[in-house]
C-alpha atoms as a PDB file:
ATOM      1  CA  MET A   1       0.000   0.000   0.000  1.00  0.00           C
ATOM      2  CA  ASP A   2       1.183   3.517  -0.794  1.00  0.00           C
ATOM      3  CA  ASP A   3       1.995   5.277   2.481  1.00  0.00           C
ATOM      4  CA  ASN A   4       2.871   8.702   1.128  1.00  0.00           C
ATOM      5  CA  GLY A   5      -0.708   9.666   0.228  1.00  0.00           C
ATOM      6  CA  ASP A   6      -0.305   9.801  -3.555  1.00  0.00           C
ATOM      7  CA  TRP A   7      -3.463   7.727  -3.956  1.00  0.00           C
ATOM      8  CA  ALA A   8      -5.460  10.359  -2.046  1.00  0.00           C
ATOM      9  CA  VAL A   9      -4.217  13.147  -4.301  1.00  0.00           C
ATOM     10  CA  ARG A  10      -5.025  11.126  -7.434  1.00  0.00           C
ATOM     11  CA  PHE A  11      -8.496  10.290  -6.097  1.00  0.00           C
ATOM     12  CA  PHE A  12      -9.095  13.929  -5.202  1.00  0.00           C
ATOM     13  CA  LEU A  13      -7.978  15.206  -8.618  1.00  0.00           C
ATOM     14  CA  ALA A  14     -10.127  12.606 -10.401  1.00  0.00           C
ATOM     15  CA  GLY A  15     -13.072  13.822  -8.316  1.00  0.00           C
ATOM     16  CA  LEU A  16     -12.456  17.394  -9.475  1.00  0.00           C
ATOM     17  CA  ILE A  17     -13.122  16.203 -13.027  1.00  0.00           C
ATOM     18  CA  ILE A  18     -15.808  13.554 -12.451  1.00  0.00           C
ATOM     19  CA  VAL A  19     -18.055  15.338  -9.923  1.00  0.00           C
ATOM     20  CA  PRO A  20     -18.748  18.388 -12.129  1.00  0.00           C
ATOM     21  CA  VAL A  21     -19.487  16.089 -15.088  1.00  0.00           C
ATOM     22  CA  VAL A  22     -22.023  14.097 -13.072  1.00  0.00           C
ATOM     23  CA  ILE A  23     -23.679  17.195 -11.589  1.00  0.00           C
ATOM     24  CA  ALA A  24     -23.849  18.942 -14.969  1.00  0.00           C
ATOM     25  CA  PHE A  25     -25.295  15.862 -16.666  1.00  0.00           C
ATOM     26  CA  ALA A  26     -27.877  15.405 -13.900  1.00  0.00           C
ATOM     27  CA  LEU A  27     -29.039  19.040 -14.084  1.00  0.00           C
ATOM     28  CA  ALA A  28     -29.008  19.545 -17.869  1.00  0.00           C
ATOM     29  CA  PHE A  29     -32.062  17.380 -18.525  1.00  0.00           C
ATOM     30  CA  PRO A  30     -34.421  18.871 -15.905  1.00  0.00           C
ATOM     31  CA  LEU A  31     -33.370  22.397 -16.887  1.00  0.00           C
ATOM     32  CA  GLU A  32     -34.058  21.596 -20.537  1.00  0.00           C
ATOM     33  CA  SER A  33     -37.496  20.138 -19.854  1.00  0.00           C
ATOM     34  CA  LYS A  34     -38.413  23.210 -17.779  1.00  0.00           C
ATOM     35  CA  ARG A  35     -37.249  25.505 -20.591  1.00  0.00           C
ATOM     36  CA  ARG A  36     -39.101  23.489 -23.251  1.00  0.00           C
ATOM     37  CA  LYS A  37     -42.371  24.072 -21.406  1.00  0.00           C
ATOM     38  CA  LYS A  38     -41.794  27.837 -21.509  1.00  0.00           C
ATOM     39  CA  SER A  39     -40.395  27.989 -25.076  1.00  0.00           C
ATOM     40  CA  PRO A  40     -41.658  24.985 -27.049  1.00  0.00           C
ATOM     41  CA  GLY A  41     -40.691  26.265 -30.512  1.00  0.00           C
ATOM     42  CA  THR A  42     -36.957  26.644 -29.851  1.00  0.00           C
ATOM     43  CA  LEU A  43     -33.988  24.373 -30.464  1.00  0.00           C
ATOM     44  CA  PRO A  44     -32.855  22.120 -27.596  1.00  0.00           C
ATOM     45  CA  TYR A  45     -30.331  23.606 -25.163  1.00  0.00           C
ATOM     46  CA  LYS A  46     -29.123  20.542 -23.209  1.00  0.00           C
ATOM     47  CA  TRP A  47     -25.477  21.070 -24.151  1.00  0.00           C
ATOM     48  CA  GLY A  48     -25.775  24.718 -23.116  1.00  0.00           C
ATOM     49  CA  TYR A  49     -27.070  23.741 -19.698  1.00  0.00           C
ATOM     50  CA  TYR A  50     -24.409  21.047 -19.391  1.00  0.00           C
ATOM     51  CA  TRP A  51     -21.652  23.480 -20.391  1.00  0.00           C
ATOM     52  CA  GLY A  52     -22.814  26.228 -18.007  1.00  0.00           C
ATOM     53  CA  VAL A  53     -23.355  23.972 -14.992  1.00  0.00           C
ATOM     54  CA  TYR A  54     -20.066  22.161 -15.616  1.00  0.00           C
ATOM     55  CA  TRP A  55     -18.253  25.496 -15.812  1.00  0.00           C
ATOM     56  CA  ILE A  56     -19.785  26.621 -12.496  1.00  0.00           C
ATOM     57  CA  CYS A  57     -19.044  23.336 -10.698  1.00  0.00           C
ATOM     58  CA  PHE A  58     -15.534  22.921 -12.059  1.00  0.00           C
ATOM     59  CA  TRP A  59     -14.260  26.402 -11.251  1.00  0.00           C
ATOM     60  CA  SER A  60     -16.026  26.968  -7.956  1.00  0.00           C
ATOM     61  CA  GLY A  61     -15.355  23.431  -6.724  1.00  0.00           C
ATOM     62  CA  GLY A  62     -11.791  23.386  -7.959  1.00  0.00           C
ATOM     63  CA  PHE A  63     -10.749  26.643  -6.382  1.00  0.00           C
ATOM     64  CA  LEU A  64     -12.601  25.995  -3.138  1.00  0.00           C
ATOM     65  CA  SER A  65     -10.980  22.598  -2.824  1.00  0.00           C
ATOM     66  CA  ILE A  66      -7.482  23.962  -3.406  1.00  0.00           C
ATOM     67  CA  PHE A  67      -7.429  25.595  -0.010  1.00  0.00           C
ATOM     68  CA  LEU A  68      -9.631  23.029   1.744  1.00  0.00           C
ATOM     69  CA  PHE A  69      -7.388  20.116   0.770  1.00  0.00           C
ATOM     70  CA  ASP A  70      -4.859  20.491   3.580  1.00  0.00           C
ATOM     71  CA  LEU A  71      -6.667  21.419   6.775  1.00  0.00           C
ATOM     72  CA  THR A  72      -4.197  19.480   8.940  1.00  0.00           C
ATOM     73  CA  LYS A  73      -1.710  22.354   9.297  1.00  0.00           C
ATOM     74  CA  PRO A  74      -2.155  25.752  10.898  1.00  0.00           C
ATOM     75  CA  TRP A  75      -2.671  28.531   8.382  1.00  0.00           C
ATOM     76  CA  SER A  76      -0.521  31.629   8.290  1.00  0.00           C
ATOM     77  CA  ILE A  77      -1.964  34.985   7.279  1.00  0.00           C
ATOM     78  CA  GLN A  78      -0.380  34.530   3.838  1.00  0.00           C
ATOM     79  CA  ASP A  79      -2.161  31.171   3.457  1.00  0.00           C
ATOM     80  CA  LYS A  80      -5.476  32.790   4.352  1.00  0.00           C
ATOM     81  CA  ILE A  81      -4.953  35.648   1.893  1.00  0.00           C
ATOM     82  CA  LEU A  82      -4.008  33.174  -0.837  1.00  0.00           C
ATOM     83  CA  ALA A  83      -7.107  31.073  -0.072  1.00  0.00           C
ATOM     84  CA  VAL A  84      -9.375  34.122  -0.314  1.00  0.00           C
ATOM     85  CA  GLY A  85      -7.705  35.002  -3.608  1.00  0.00           C
ATOM     86  CA  PHE A  86      -8.297  31.498  -4.965  1.00  0.00           C
ATOM     87  CA  VAL A  87     -11.958  31.624  -3.964  1.00  0.00           C
ATOM     88  CA  GLY A  88     -12.288  35.014  -5.665  1.00  0.00           C
ATOM     89  CA  ILE A  89     -10.699  33.702  -8.857  1.00  0.00           C
ATOM     90  CA  GLY A  90     -12.966  30.649  -8.738  1.00  0.00           C
ATOM     91  CA  ALA A  91     -16.047  32.831  -8.329  1.00  0.00           C
ATOM     92  CA  ALA A  92     -14.944  35.134 -11.147  1.00  0.00           C
ATOM     93  CA  LEU A  93     -14.416  32.191 -13.475  1.00  0.00           C
ATOM     94  CA  ALA A  94     -17.620  30.413 -12.395  1.00  0.00           C
ATOM     95  CA  ALA A  95     -19.797  33.488 -12.997  1.00  0.00           C
ATOM     96  CA  PRO A  96     -19.852  33.202 -16.814  1.00  0.00           C
ATOM     97  CA  GLY A  97     -21.173  29.650 -16.392  1.00  0.00           C
ATOM     98  CA  TYR A  98     -24.236  31.041 -14.660  1.00  0.00           C
ATOM     99  CA  PHE A  99     -24.838  33.315 -17.623  1.00  0.00           C
ATOM    100  CA  VAL A 100     -24.426  30.419 -20.072  1.00  0.00           C
ATOM    101  CA  VAL A 101     -27.284  28.745 -18.193  1.00  0.00           C
ATOM    102  CA  LYS A 102     -29.218  32.022 -18.592  1.00  0.00           C
ATOM    103  CA  ARG A 103     -28.498  31.824 -22.361  1.00  0.00           C
ATOM    104  CA  ARG A 104     -26.305  34.910 -22.726  1.00  0.00           C
ATOM    105  CA  LYS A 105     -24.224  35.240 -25.904  1.00  0.00           C
ATOM    106  CA  TRP A 106     -21.256  36.915 -24.262  1.00  0.00           C
ATOM    107  CA  ALA A 107     -21.001  34.100 -21.704  1.00  0.00           C
ATOM    108  CA  TRP A 108     -20.798  31.504 -24.489  1.00  0.00           C
ATOM    109  CA  VAL A 109     -17.922  33.400 -26.031  1.00  0.00           C
ATOM    110  CA  VAL A 110     -16.087  33.924 -22.722  1.00  0.00           C
ATOM    111  CA  THR A 111     -16.397  30.351 -21.451  1.00  0.00           C
ATOM    112  CA  THR A 112     -15.500  28.893 -24.820  1.00  0.00           C
ATOM    113  CA  ILE A 113     -12.333  30.961 -25.126  1.00  0.00           C
ATOM    114  CA  LEU A 114     -11.321  30.453 -21.479  1.00  0.00           C
ATOM    115  CA  SER A 115     -11.728  26.686 -21.824  1.00  0.00           C
ATOM    116  CA  MET A 116      -8.409  26.737 -23.733  1.00  0.00           C
ATOM    117  CA  ASN A 117      -9.577  23.560 -25.463  1.00  0.00           C
ATOM    118  CA  VAL A 118      -9.740  23.466 -29.250  1.00  0.00           C
ATOM    119  CA  VAL A 119     -12.299  20.646 -29.214  1.00  0.00           C
ATOM    120  CA  CYS A 120     -14.592  22.736 -26.982  1.00  0.00           C
ATOM    121  CA  TRP A 121     -14.050  25.718 -29.267  1.00  0.00           C
ATOM    122  CA  VAL A 122     -15.269  23.728 -32.279  1.00  0.00           C
ATOM    123  CA  VAL A 123     -18.151  22.004 -30.477  1.00  0.00           C
ATOM    124  CA  ASN A 124     -19.385  25.218 -28.853  1.00  0.00           C
ATOM    125  CA  TRP A 125     -19.050  27.198 -32.072  1.00  0.00           C
ATOM    126  CA  LEU A 126     -21.100  24.616 -33.984  1.00  0.00           C
ATOM    127  CA  TYR A 127     -23.666  24.395 -31.200  1.00  0.00           C
ATOM    128  CA  ALA A 128     -24.071  28.124 -30.577  1.00  0.00           C
ATOM    129  CA  LYS A 129     -24.017  28.979 -34.290  1.00  0.00           C
ATOM    130  CA  HIS A 130     -27.394  27.278 -34.734  1.00  0.00           C
ATOM    131  CA  ARG A 131     -28.861  28.876 -31.598  1.00  0.00           C
ATOM    132  CA  TRP A 132     -27.310  32.337 -31.802  1.00  0.00           C
ATOM    133  CA  SER A 133     -30.578  34.049 -32.707  1.00  0.00           C
ATOM    134  CA  GLU A 134     -32.311  32.369 -29.742  1.00  0.00           C
ATOM    135  CA  LEU A 135     -29.682  33.407 -27.205  1.00  0.00           C
ATOM    136  CA  ASN A 136     -30.044  36.611 -25.202  1.00  0.00           C
ATOM    137  CA  PRO A 137     -27.596  39.450 -25.862  1.00  0.00           C
END
């Protein structure tokens, strides 16, 4: 058995990826069915809900967990300032995800570019291109 705790770090990092995926998948379908009742003549928006919720969960959960991971040591004032900074960055990066869920065009652009993932750029461009007229400014 690995005594140095590497398994815990790997498990934790895997959770940072898997948990937002599961939460986003679980929420995308109910959000879509609620929206379809209000706007029956529009194109589906499941991927939009998935993308927005994933973005919120990943950034807020990731940055919150960075400073919660090691609670076994006493924190200096510098550690506390750094933790507050990480939470602020996480909140700032999670905010556009909320606006993707609210179907804002600018949020699609911001989250797509900040994803730094060419596959996401292509998928989101193709997806939003067909829904651009339905999205809010």
